[in-house]
Amino acid sequence: MKKFDPFKNLRLDAEEQQIEKDIEAGLYQPVKNMEKRIEELQQIAKNTSLKNKTISLRINYKDLIDFKANAAHEGMPYQTLIGSLIHKYNTGQIIFRDRGAEKYEAEEKQK
């Protein structure tokens, strides 16, 4: 019985061919401390695979339309955009500021 050769009829696409050329040209370098890097990547995968929770949320219709338009502009689903904003707020990357003072100052300047 012949041994199966998975590479016998292998055809590489353009991207794979470029990667192969880059490897042969020595453009890729081995990862230092591979075991540690594998552990880091496994932890990242574990953290990102945490289950998301589905919720119902009531928002203004115009806000929903705006979210959908902004998400389309960014090339992502609107639920992903909303989730991203919630995450950024919870991690302190977005901070709400008091706009009342700014609005008052702007009105005063117009007078």
PDB file of N, CA and C in Angstrom:
ATOM      1  N   MET A   1       0.840  -1.180   0.000  1.00  0.00           N
ATOM      2  CA  MET A   1       0.000   0.000   0.000  1.00  0.00           C
ATOM      3  C   MET A   1       0.884   1.243   0.000  1.00  0.00           C
ATOM      4  N   LYS A   2       0.531   2.195  -0.880  1.00  0.00           N
ATOM      5  CA  LYS A   2       1.294   3.435  -0.972  1.00  0.00           C
ATOM      6  C   LYS A   2       1.008   4.334   0.222  1.00  0.00           C
ATOM      7  N   LYS A   3       2.041   4.992   0.678  1.00  0.00           N
ATOM      8  CA  LYS A   3       1.886   5.950   1.768  1.00  0.00           C
ATOM      9  C   LYS A   3       1.310   7.251   1.196  1.00  0.00           C
ATOM     10  N   PHE A   4       0.338   7.817   1.896  1.00  0.00           N
ATOM     11  CA  PHE A   4      -0.307   9.060   1.444  1.00  0.00           C
ATOM     12  C   PHE A   4       0.666  10.226   1.580  1.00  0.00           C
ATOM     13  N   ASP A   5       0.800  10.993   0.509  1.00  0.00           N
ATOM     14  CA  ASP A   5       1.661  12.171   0.496  1.00  0.00           C
ATOM     15  C   ASP A   5       0.773  13.418   0.351  1.00  0.00           C
ATOM     16  N   PRO A   6       0.570  14.172   1.447  1.00  0.00           N
ATOM     17  CA  PRO A   6      -0.331  15.338   1.379  1.00  0.00           C
ATOM     18  C   PRO A   6       0.221  16.473   0.514  1.00  0.00           C
ATOM     19  N   PHE A   7       1.491  16.429   0.182  1.00  0.00           N
ATOM     20  CA  PHE A   7       2.099  17.508  -0.596  1.00  0.00           C
ATOM     21  C   PHE A   7       2.212  17.190  -2.090  1.00  0.00           C
ATOM     22  N   LYS A   8       1.805  16.000  -2.478  1.00  0.00           N
ATOM     23  CA  LYS A   8       1.977  15.562  -3.867  1.00  0.00           C
ATOM     24  C   LYS A   8       1.286  16.494  -4.864  1.00  0.00           C
ATOM     25  N   ASN A   9       0.051  16.830  -4.634  1.00  0.00           N
ATOM     26  CA  ASN A   9      -0.712  17.676  -5.558  1.00  0.00           C
ATOM     27  C   ASN A   9      -0.988  19.060  -4.972  1.00  0.00           C
ATOM     28  N   LEU A  10      -0.129  19.482  -4.069  1.00  0.00           N
ATOM     29  CA  LEU A  10      -0.321  20.757  -3.390  1.00  0.00           C
ATOM     30  C   LEU A  10      -0.115  21.929  -4.346  1.00  0.00           C
ATOM     31  N   ARG A  11      -1.047  22.846  -4.343  1.00  0.00           N
ATOM     32  CA  ARG A  11      -0.930  24.067  -5.143  1.00  0.00           C
ATOM     33  C   ARG A  11      -1.063  25.252  -4.198  1.00  0.00           C
ATOM     34  N   LEU A  12      -0.075  26.125  -4.241  1.00  0.00           N
ATOM     35  CA  LEU A  12      -0.067  27.298  -3.375  1.00  0.00           C
ATOM     36  C   LEU A  12      -0.690  28.479  -4.104  1.00  0.00           C
ATOM     37  N   ASP A  13      -1.479  29.282  -3.352  1.00  0.00           N
ATOM     38  CA  ASP A  13      -2.003  30.509  -3.952  1.00  0.00           C
ATOM     39  C   ASP A  13      -0.891  31.564  -3.929  1.00  0.00           C
ATOM     40  N   ALA A  14      -1.184  32.740  -4.465  1.00  0.00           N
ATOM     41  CA  ALA A  14      -0.161  33.786  -4.590  1.00  0.00           C
ATOM     42  C   ALA A  14       0.409  34.185  -3.225  1.00  0.00           C
ATOM     43  N   GLU A  15      -0.441  34.324  -2.225  1.00  0.00           N
ATOM     44  CA  GLU A  15       0.031  34.716  -0.896  1.00  0.00           C
ATOM     45  C   GLU A  15       0.936  33.643  -0.304  1.00  0.00           C
ATOM     46  N   GLU A  16       0.532  32.379  -0.445  1.00  0.00           N
ATOM     47  CA  GLU A  16       1.350  31.285   0.077  1.00  0.00           C
ATOM     48  C   GLU A  16       2.690  31.198  -0.658  1.00  0.00           C
ATOM     49  N   GLN A  17       2.685  31.431  -1.962  1.00  0.00           N
ATOM     50  CA  GLN A  17       3.928  31.432  -2.727  1.00  0.00           C
ATOM     51  C   GLN A  17       4.871  32.535  -2.245  1.00  0.00           C
ATOM     52  N   GLN A  18       4.304  33.709  -1.936  1.00  0.00           N
ATOM     53  CA  GLN A  18       5.120  34.818  -1.434  1.00  0.00           C
ATOM     54  C   GLN A  18       5.716  34.479  -0.075  1.00  0.00           C
ATOM     55  N   ILE A  19       4.934  33.845   0.777  1.00  0.00           N
ATOM     56  CA  ILE A  19       5.436  33.432   2.094  1.00  0.00           C
ATOM     57  C   ILE A  19       6.583  32.441   1.923  1.00  0.00           C
ATOM     58  N   GLU A  20       6.403  31.486   1.023  1.00  0.00           N
ATOM     59  CA  GLU A  20       7.453  30.505   0.770  1.00  0.00           C
ATOM     60  C   GLU A  20       8.741  31.185   0.290  1.00  0.00           C
ATOM     61  N   LYS A  21       8.619  32.150  -0.615  1.00  0.00           N
ATOM     62  CA  LYS A  21       9.792  32.889  -1.097  1.00  0.00           C
ATOM     63  C   LYS A  21      10.463  33.659   0.039  1.00  0.00           C
ATOM     64  N   ASP A  22       9.632  34.294   0.898  1.00  0.00           N
ATOM     65  CA  ASP A  22      10.181  35.059   2.018  1.00  0.00           C
ATOM     66  C   ASP A  22      10.934  34.156   2.996  1.00  0.00           C
ATOM     67  N   ILE A  23      10.400  32.953   3.228  1.00  0.00           N
ATOM     68  CA  ILE A  23      11.080  32.005   4.120  1.00  0.00           C
ATOM     69  C   ILE A  23      12.428  31.616   3.524  1.00  0.00           C
ATOM     70  N   GLU A  24      12.406  31.287   2.233  1.00  0.00           N
ATOM     71  CA  GLU A  24      13.651  30.895   1.568  1.00  0.00           C
ATOM     72  C   GLU A  24      14.663  32.037   1.550  1.00  0.00           C
ATOM     73  N   ALA A  25      14.186  33.287   1.525  1.00  0.00           N
ATOM     74  CA  ALA A  25      15.089  34.446   1.514  1.00  0.00           C
ATOM     75  C   ALA A  25      15.566  34.808   2.921  1.00  0.00           C
ATOM     76  N   GLY A  26      15.086  34.099   3.930  1.00  0.00           N
ATOM     77  CA  GLY A  26      15.519  34.347   5.298  1.00  0.00           C
ATOM     78  C   GLY A  26      14.878  35.554   5.949  1.00  0.00           C
ATOM     79  N   LEU A  27      13.696  35.947   5.458  1.00  0.00           N
ATOM     80  CA  LEU A  27      13.031  37.131   6.015  1.00  0.00           C
ATOM     81  C   LEU A  27      12.302  36.845   7.329  1.00  0.00           C
ATOM     82  N   TYR A  28      12.093  35.590   7.656  1.00  0.00           N
ATOM     83  CA  TYR A  28      11.437  35.236   8.909  1.00  0.00           C
ATOM     84  C   TYR A  28      12.489  34.816   9.922  1.00  0.00           C
ATOM     85  N   GLN A  29      12.317  35.231  11.157  1.00  0.00           N
ATOM     86  CA  GLN A  29      13.247  34.906  12.227  1.00  0.00           C
ATOM     87  C   GLN A  29      12.542  34.007  13.240  1.00  0.00           C
ATOM     88  N   PRO A  30      13.255  33.047  13.816  1.00  0.00           N
ATOM     89  CA  PRO A  30      12.628  32.193  14.828  1.00  0.00           C
ATOM     90  C   PRO A  30      12.251  33.006  16.068  1.00  0.00           C
ATOM     91  N   VAL A  31      11.203  32.570  16.726  1.00  0.00           N
ATOM     92  CA  VAL A  31      10.739  33.236  17.938  1.00  0.00           C
ATOM     93  C   VAL A  31      11.636  32.806  19.100  1.00  0.00           C
ATOM     94  N   LYS A  32      12.130  33.806  19.838  1.00  0.00           N
ATOM     95  CA  LYS A  32      12.941  33.504  21.010  1.00  0.00           C
ATOM     96  C   LYS A  32      12.007  33.086  22.142  1.00  0.00           C
ATOM     97  N   ASN A  33      12.452  32.131  22.945  1.00  0.00           N
ATOM     98  CA  ASN A  33      11.693  31.632  24.085  1.00  0.00           C
ATOM     99  C   ASN A  33      10.294  31.181  23.628  1.00  0.00           C
ATOM    100  N   MET A  34      10.268  30.228  22.728  1.00  0.00           N
ATOM    101  CA  MET A  34       9.039  29.756  22.098  1.00  0.00           C
ATOM    102  C   MET A  34       8.006  29.261  23.112  1.00  0.00           C
ATOM    103  N   GLU A  35       8.442  28.542  24.143  1.00  0.00           N
ATOM    104  CA  GLU A  35       7.497  28.002  25.128  1.00  0.00           C
ATOM    105  C   GLU A  35       6.724  29.131  25.823  1.00  0.00           C
ATOM    106  N   LYS A  36       7.432  30.197  26.194  1.00  0.00           N
ATOM    107  CA  LYS A  36       6.788  31.336  26.851  1.00  0.00           C
ATOM    108  C   LYS A  36       5.800  32.007  25.903  1.00  0.00           C
ATOM    109  N   ARG A  37       6.195  32.157  24.633  1.00  0.00           N
ATOM    110  CA  ARG A  37       5.309  32.794  23.648  1.00  0.00           C
ATOM    111  C   ARG A  37       4.060  31.957  23.414  1.00  0.00           C
ATOM    112  N   ILE A  38       4.211  30.639  23.390  1.00  0.00           N
ATOM    113  CA  ILE A  38       3.050  29.754  23.224  1.00  0.00           C
ATOM    114  C   ILE A  38       2.100  29.927  24.402  1.00  0.00           C
ATOM    115  N   GLU A  39       2.632  29.989  25.617  1.00  0.00           N
ATOM    116  CA  GLU A  39       1.802  30.195  26.806  1.00  0.00           C
ATOM    117  C   GLU A  39       1.054  31.528  26.724  1.00  0.00           C
ATOM    118  N   GLU A  40       1.751  32.594  26.286  1.00  0.00           N
ATOM    119  CA  GLU A  40       1.113  33.905  26.144  1.00  0.00           C
ATOM    120  C   GLU A  40      -0.037  33.847  25.143  1.00  0.00           C
ATOM    121  N   LEU A  41       0.210  33.217  24.006  1.00  0.00           N
ATOM    122  CA  LEU A  41      -0.831  33.123  22.976  1.00  0.00           C
ATOM    123  C   LEU A  41      -2.001  32.263  23.433  1.00  0.00           C
ATOM    124  N   GLN A  42      -1.719  31.209  24.184  1.00  0.00           N
ATOM    125  CA  GLN A  42      -2.797  30.379  24.719  1.00  0.00           C
ATOM    126  C   GLN A  42      -3.654  31.172  25.704  1.00  0.00           C
ATOM    127  N   GLN A  43      -3.018  32.001  26.529  1.00  0.00           N
ATOM    128  CA  GLN A  43      -3.767  32.832  27.476  1.00  0.00           C
ATOM    129  C   GLN A  43      -4.617  33.855  26.745  1.00  0.00           C
ATOM    130  N   ILE A  44      -4.062  34.453  25.687  1.00  0.00           N
ATOM    131  CA  ILE A  44      -4.828  35.407  24.884  1.00  0.00           C
ATOM    132  C   ILE A  44      -6.035  34.721  24.269  1.00  0.00           C
ATOM    133  N   ALA A  45      -5.828  33.522  23.716  1.00  0.00           N
ATOM    134  CA  ALA A  45      -6.933  32.772  23.116  1.00  0.00           C
ATOM    135  C   ALA A  45      -7.993  32.440  24.158  1.00  0.00           C
ATOM    136  N   LYS A  46      -7.548  32.048  25.339  1.00  0.00           N
ATOM    137  CA  LYS A  46      -8.491  31.723  26.418  1.00  0.00           C
ATOM    138  C   LYS A  46      -9.302  32.958  26.812  1.00  0.00           C
ATOM    139  N   ASN A  47      -8.628  34.096  26.930  1.00  0.00           N
ATOM    140  CA  ASN A  47      -9.317  35.327  27.323  1.00  0.00           C
ATOM    141  C   ASN A  47     -10.309  35.795  26.265  1.00  0.00           C
ATOM    142  N   THR A  48      -9.976  35.609  25.008  1.00  0.00           N
ATOM    143  CA  THR A  48     -10.867  36.079  23.947  1.00  0.00           C
ATOM    144  C   THR A  48     -11.993  35.109  23.672  1.00  0.00           C
ATOM    145  N   SER A  49     -11.866  33.883  24.170  1.00  0.00           N
ATOM    146  CA  SER A  49     -12.928  32.910  23.925  1.00  0.00           C
ATOM    147  C   SER A  49     -13.981  32.904  25.031  1.00  0.00           C
ATOM    148  N   LEU A  50     -13.867  33.827  25.980  1.00  0.00           N
ATOM    149  CA  LEU A  50     -14.880  33.907  27.019  1.00  0.00           C
ATOM    150  C   LEU A  50     -16.233  34.191  26.381  1.00  0.00           C
ATOM    151  N   LYS A  51     -17.248  33.574  26.917  1.00  0.00           N
ATOM    152  CA  LYS A  51     -18.577  33.698  26.337  1.00  0.00           C
ATOM    153  C   LYS A  51     -19.104  35.117  26.472  1.00  0.00           C
ATOM    154  N   ASN A  52     -19.725  35.581  25.417  1.00  0.00           N
ATOM    155  CA  ASN A  52     -20.425  36.857  25.451  1.00  0.00           C
ATOM    156  C   ASN A  52     -21.832  36.619  25.948  1.00  0.00           C
ATOM    157  N   LYS A  53     -22.416  37.620  26.523  1.00  0.00           N
ATOM    158  CA  LYS A  53     -23.774  37.540  27.038  1.00  0.00           C
ATOM    159  C   LYS A  53     -24.686  38.345  26.139  1.00  0.00           C
ATOM    160  N   THR A  54     -25.770  37.735  25.707  1.00  0.00           N
ATOM    161  CA  THR A  54     -26.749  38.428  24.885  1.00  0.00           C
ATOM    162  C   THR A  54     -27.692  39.202  25.797  1.00  0.00           C
ATOM    163  N   ILE A  55     -27.929  40.474  25.454  1.00  0.00           N
ATOM    164  CA  ILE A  55     -28.841  41.299  26.236  1.00  0.00           C
ATOM    165  C   ILE A  55     -29.817  41.993  25.301  1.00  0.00           C
ATOM    166  N   SER A  56     -30.908  42.465  25.882  1.00  0.00           N
ATOM    167  CA  SER A  56     -31.839  43.324  25.149  1.00  0.00           C
ATOM    168  C   SER A  56     -31.614  44.741  25.633  1.00  0.00           C
ATOM    169  N   LEU A  57     -31.651  45.670  24.717  1.00  0.00           N
ATOM    170  CA  LEU A  57     -31.354  47.050  25.058  1.00  0.00           C
ATOM    171  C   LEU A  57     -32.282  47.955  24.271  1.00  0.00           C
ATOM    172  N   ARG A  58     -32.909  48.867  24.934  1.00  0.00           N
ATOM    173  CA  ARG A  58     -33.766  49.831  24.245  1.00  0.00           C
ATOM    174  C   ARG A  58     -32.982  51.120  24.051  1.00  0.00           C
ATOM    175  N   ILE A  59     -32.893  51.540  22.776  1.00  0.00           N
ATOM    176  CA  ILE A  59     -32.240  52.805  22.477  1.00  0.00           C
ATOM    177  C   ILE A  59     -33.095  53.570  21.488  1.00  0.00           C
ATOM    178  N   ASN A  60     -32.848  54.848  21.424  1.00  0.00           N
ATOM    179  CA  ASN A  60     -33.544  55.730  20.505  1.00  0.00           C
ATOM    180  C   ASN A  60     -33.321  55.246  19.072  1.00  0.00           C
ATOM    181  N   TYR A  61     -34.368  55.281  18.255  1.00  0.00           N
ATOM    182  CA  TYR A  61     -34.291  54.793  16.876  1.00  0.00           C
ATOM    183  C   TYR A  61     -33.216  55.525  16.079  1.00  0.00           C
ATOM    184  N   LYS A  62     -33.152  56.848  16.226  1.00  0.00           N
ATOM    185  CA  LYS A  62     -32.148  57.616  15.491  1.00  0.00           C
ATOM    186  C   LYS A  62     -30.737  57.218  15.918  1.00  0.00           C
ATOM    187  N   ASP A  63     -30.542  56.963  17.220  1.00  0.00           N
ATOM    188  CA  ASP A  63     -29.235  56.514  17.686  1.00  0.00           C
ATOM    189  C   ASP A  63     -28.869  55.167  17.052  1.00  0.00           C
ATOM    190  N   LEU A  64     -29.847  54.275  16.930  1.00  0.00           N
ATOM    191  CA  LEU A  64     -29.593  52.983  16.301  1.00  0.00           C
ATOM    192  C   LEU A  64     -29.182  53.154  14.842  1.00  0.00           C
ATOM    193  N   ILE A  65     -29.893  54.000  14.125  1.00  0.00           N
ATOM    194  CA  ILE A  65     -29.555  54.264  12.728  1.00  0.00           C
ATOM    195  C   ILE A  65     -28.142  54.845  12.629  1.00  0.00           C
ATOM    196  N   ASP A  66     -27.809  55.777  13.530  1.00  0.00           N
ATOM    197  CA  ASP A  66     -26.471  56.369  13.538  1.00  0.00           C
ATOM    198  C   ASP A  66     -25.404  55.315  13.839  1.00  0.00           C
ATOM    199  N   PHE A  67     -25.694  54.418  14.812  1.00  0.00           N
ATOM    200  CA  PHE A  67     -24.747  53.346  15.124  1.00  0.00           C
ATOM    201  C   PHE A  67     -24.516  52.462  13.906  1.00  0.00           C
ATOM    202  N   LYS A  68     -25.601  52.104  13.228  1.00  0.00           N
ATOM    203  CA  LYS A  68     -25.481  51.244  12.052  1.00  0.00           C
ATOM    204  C   LYS A  68     -24.655  51.930  10.956  1.00  0.00           C
ATOM    205  N   ALA A  69     -24.883  53.213  10.758  1.00  0.00           N
ATOM    206  CA  ALA A  69     -24.130  53.953   9.736  1.00  0.00           C
ATOM    207  C   ALA A  69     -22.656  54.051  10.115  1.00  0.00           C
ATOM    208  N   ASN A  70     -22.384  54.381  11.371  1.00  0.00           N
ATOM    209  CA  ASN A  70     -20.994  54.484  11.821  1.00  0.00           C
ATOM    210  C   ASN A  70     -20.287  53.137  11.756  1.00  0.00           C
ATOM    211  N   ALA A  71     -20.993  52.073  12.133  1.00  0.00           N
ATOM    212  CA  ALA A  71     -20.402  50.740  12.082  1.00  0.00           C
ATOM    213  C   ALA A  71     -20.102  50.340  10.642  1.00  0.00           C
ATOM    214  N   ALA A  72     -21.025  50.646   9.733  1.00  0.00           N
ATOM    215  CA  ALA A  72     -20.798  50.331   8.320  1.00  0.00           C
ATOM    216  C   ALA A  72     -19.578  51.089   7.805  1.00  0.00           C
ATOM    217  N   HIS A  73     -19.439  52.336   8.234  1.00  0.00           N
ATOM    218  CA  HIS A  73     -18.277  53.142   7.838  1.00  0.00           C
ATOM    219  C   HIS A  73     -16.980  52.507   8.343  1.00  0.00           C
ATOM    220  N   GLU A  74     -17.031  51.933   9.544  1.00  0.00           N
ATOM    221  CA  GLU A  74     -15.856  51.288  10.139  1.00  0.00           C
ATOM    222  C   GLU A  74     -15.671  49.856   9.636  1.00  0.00           C
ATOM    223  N   GLY A  75     -16.679  49.329   8.920  1.00  0.00           N
ATOM    224  CA  GLY A  75     -16.577  47.974   8.390  1.00  0.00           C
ATOM    225  C   GLY A  75     -16.811  46.890   9.422  1.00  0.00           C
ATOM    226  N   MET A  76     -17.733  47.123  10.335  1.00  0.00           N
ATOM    227  CA  MET A  76     -18.015  46.133  11.370  1.00  0.00           C
ATOM    228  C   MET A  76     -19.510  46.100  11.658  1.00  0.00           C
ATOM    229  N   PRO A  77     -20.012  45.009  12.241  1.00  0.00           N
ATOM    230  CA  PRO A  77     -21.420  44.972  12.646  1.00  0.00           C
ATOM    231  C   PRO A  77     -21.681  45.999  13.752  1.00  0.00           C
ATOM    232  N   TYR A  78     -22.891  46.551  13.762  1.00  0.00           N
ATOM    233  CA  TYR A  78     -23.181  47.590  14.760  1.00  0.00           C
ATOM    234  C   TYR A  78     -23.139  47.050  16.180  1.00  0.00           C
ATOM    235  N   GLN A  79     -23.500  45.759  16.377  1.00  0.00           N
ATOM    236  CA  GLN A  79     -23.434  45.191  17.725  1.00  0.00           C
ATOM    237  C   GLN A  79     -21.985  45.160  18.212  1.00  0.00           C
ATOM    238  N   THR A  80     -21.051  44.902  17.309  1.00  0.00           N
ATOM    239  CA  THR A  80     -19.633  44.890  17.668  1.00  0.00           C
ATOM    240  C   THR A  80     -19.180  46.284  18.081  1.00  0.00           C
ATOM    241  N   LEU A  81     -19.639  47.295  17.364  1.00  0.00           N
ATOM    242  CA  LEU A  81     -19.292  48.675  17.709  1.00  0.00           C
ATOM    243  C   LEU A  81     -19.828  49.033  19.088  1.00  0.00           C
ATOM    244  N   ILE A  82     -21.078  48.690  19.349  1.00  0.00           N
ATOM    245  CA  ILE A  82     -21.676  48.980  20.660  1.00  0.00           C
ATOM    246  C   ILE A  82     -20.898  48.249  21.755  1.00  0.00           C
ATOM    247  N   GLY A  83     -20.608  46.968  21.536  1.00  0.00           N
ATOM    248  CA  GLY A  83     -19.844  46.196  22.520  1.00  0.00           C
ATOM    249  C   GLY A  83     -18.461  46.777  22.755  1.00  0.00           C
ATOM    250  N   SER A  84     -17.833  47.246  21.677  1.00  0.00           N
ATOM    251  CA  SER A  84     -16.508  47.848  21.794  1.00  0.00           C
ATOM    252  C   SER A  84     -16.559  49.119  22.634  1.00  0.00           C
ATOM    253  N   LEU A  85     -17.568  49.938  22.403  1.00  0.00           N
ATOM    254  CA  LEU A  85     -17.698  51.169  23.188  1.00  0.00           C
ATOM    255  C   LEU A  85     -17.947  50.873  24.664  1.00  0.00           C
ATOM    256  N   ILE A  86     -18.768  49.871  24.940  1.00  0.00           N
ATOM    257  CA  ILE A  86     -19.010  49.485  26.335  1.00  0.00           C
ATOM    258  C   ILE A  86     -17.707  49.011  26.977  1.00  0.00           C
ATOM    259  N   HIS A  87     -16.963  48.185  26.258  1.00  0.00           N
ATOM    260  CA  HIS A  87     -15.689  47.686  26.788  1.00  0.00           C
ATOM    261  C   HIS A  87     -14.710  48.833  27.042  1.00  0.00           C
ATOM    262  N   LYS A  88     -14.612  49.757  26.098  1.00  0.00           N
ATOM    263  CA  LYS A  88     -13.695  50.884  26.263  1.00  0.00           C
ATOM    264  C   LYS A  88     -14.097  51.761  27.455  1.00  0.00           C
ATOM    265  N   TYR A  89     -15.385  51.944  27.657  1.00  0.00           N
ATOM    266  CA  TYR A  89     -15.843  52.712  28.812  1.00  0.00           C
ATOM    267  C   TYR A  89     -15.475  51.989  30.110  1.00  0.00           C
ATOM    268  N   ASN A  90     -15.720  50.679  30.142  1.00  0.00           N
ATOM    269  CA  ASN A  90     -15.448  49.910  31.358  1.00  0.00           C
ATOM    270  C   ASN A  90     -13.964  49.820  31.687  1.00  0.00           C
ATOM    271  N   THR A  91     -13.112  49.931  30.680  1.00  0.00           N
ATOM    272  CA  THR A  91     -11.668  49.854  30.924  1.00  0.00           C
ATOM    273  C   THR A  91     -11.020  51.229  31.021  1.00  0.00           C
ATOM    274  N   GLY A  92     -11.834  52.286  31.040  1.00  0.00           N
ATOM    275  CA  GLY A  92     -11.315  53.638  31.221  1.00  0.00           C
ATOM    276  C   GLY A  92     -10.738  54.271  29.969  1.00  0.00           C
ATOM    277  N   GLN A  93     -10.938  53.648  28.822  1.00  0.00           N
ATOM    278  CA  GLN A  93     -10.429  54.213  27.577  1.00  0.00           C
ATOM    279  C   GLN A  93     -11.328  55.327  27.055  1.00  0.00           C
ATOM    280  N   ILE A  94     -12.570  55.337  27.523  1.00  0.00           N
ATOM    281  CA  ILE A  94     -13.513  56.414  27.199  1.00  0.00           C
ATOM    282  C   ILE A  94     -13.990  56.988  28.524  1.00  0.00           C
ATOM    283  N   ILE A  95     -13.909  58.291  28.648  1.00  0.00           N
ATOM    284  CA  ILE A  95     -14.358  58.959  29.868  1.00  0.00           C
ATOM    285  C   ILE A  95     -15.371  60.018  29.479  1.00  0.00           C
ATOM    286  N   PHE A  96     -16.533  59.979  30.115  1.00  0.00           N
ATOM    287  CA  PHE A  96     -17.531  61.006  29.839  1.00  0.00           C
ATOM    288  C   PHE A  96     -17.119  62.293  30.528  1.00  0.00           C
ATOM    289  N   ARG A  97     -17.322  63.390  29.848  1.00  0.00           N
ATOM    290  CA  ARG A  97     -17.001  64.679  30.442  1.00  0.00           C
ATOM    291  C   ARG A  97     -18.284  65.490  30.566  1.00  0.00           C
ATOM    292  N   ASP A  98     -18.248  66.463  31.428  1.00  0.00           N
ATOM    293  CA  ASP A  98     -19.396  67.332  31.639  1.00  0.00           C
ATOM    294  C   ASP A  98     -19.456  68.330  30.491  1.00  0.00           C
ATOM    295  N   ARG A  99     -20.411  68.178  29.630  1.00  0.00           N
ATOM    296  CA  ARG A  99     -20.537  69.079  28.492  1.00  0.00           C
ATOM    297  C   ARG A  99     -21.374  70.309  28.829  1.00  0.00           C
ATOM    298  N   GLY A 100     -21.983  70.301  29.980  1.00  0.00           N
ATOM    299  CA  GLY A 100     -22.801  71.443  30.378  1.00  0.00           C
ATOM    300  C   GLY A 100     -21.992  72.720  30.449  1.00  0.00           C
ATOM    301  N   ALA A 101     -20.803  72.641  31.040  1.00  0.00           N
ATOM    302  CA  ALA A 101     -19.935  73.817  31.158  1.00  0.00           C
ATOM    303  C   ALA A 101     -19.474  74.278  29.782  1.00  0.00           C
ATOM    304  N   GLU A 102     -19.125  73.331  28.909  1.00  0.00           N
ATOM    305  CA  GLU A 102     -18.692  73.688  27.557  1.00  0.00           C
ATOM    306  C   GLU A 102     -19.818  74.378  26.790  1.00  0.00           C
ATOM    307  N   LYS A 103     -21.031  73.860  26.936  1.00  0.00           N
ATOM    308  CA  LYS A 103     -22.177  74.437  26.237  1.00  0.00           C
ATOM    309  C   LYS A 103     -22.431  75.861  26.738  1.00  0.00           C
ATOM    310  N   TYR A 104     -22.339  76.040  28.053  1.00  0.00           N
ATOM    311  CA  TYR A 104     -22.551  77.359  28.642  1.00  0.00           C
ATOM    312  C   TYR A 104     -21.498  78.345  28.120  1.00  0.00           C
ATOM    313  N   GLU A 105     -20.222  77.914  28.087  1.00  0.00           N
ATOM    314  CA  GLU A 105     -19.148  78.796  27.608  1.00  0.00           C
ATOM    315  C   GLU A 105     -19.342  79.149  26.142  1.00  0.00           C
ATOM    316  N   ALA A 106     -19.781  78.187  25.355  1.00  0.00           N
ATOM    317  CA  ALA A 106     -20.021  78.451  23.925  1.00  0.00           C
ATOM    318  C   ALA A 106     -21.146  79.444  23.749  1.00  0.00           C
ATOM    319  N   GLU A 107     -22.190  79.319  24.558  1.00  0.00           N
ATOM    320  CA  GLU A 107     -23.311  80.262  24.465  1.00  0.00           C
ATOM    321  C   GLU A 107     -22.880  81.643  24.879  1.00  0.00           C
ATOM    322  N   GLU A 108     -22.024  81.756  25.880  1.00  0.00           N
ATOM    323  CA  GLU A 108     -21.537  83.046  26.363  1.00  0.00           C
ATOM    324  C   GLU A 108     -20.678  83.730  25.282  1.00  0.00           C
ATOM    325  N   LYS A 109     -19.891  82.954  24.562  1.00  0.00           N
ATOM    326  CA  LYS A 109     -19.043  83.506  23.519  1.00  0.00           C
ATOM    327  C   LYS A 109     -19.877  84.058  22.365  1.00  0.00           C
ATOM    328  N   GLN A 110     -21.021  83.455  22.121  1.00  0.00           N
ATOM    329  CA  GLN A 110     -21.880  83.886  21.020  1.00  0.00           C
ATOM    330  C   GLN A 110     -22.589  85.200  21.323  1.00  0.00           C
ATOM    331  N   LYS A 111     -22.705  85.557  22.583  1.00  0.00           N
ATOM    332  CA  LYS A 111     -23.422  86.780  22.962  1.00  0.00           C
ATOM    333  C   LYS A 111     -22.658  88.022  22.658  1.00  0.00           C
TER     334      LYS A 111
END
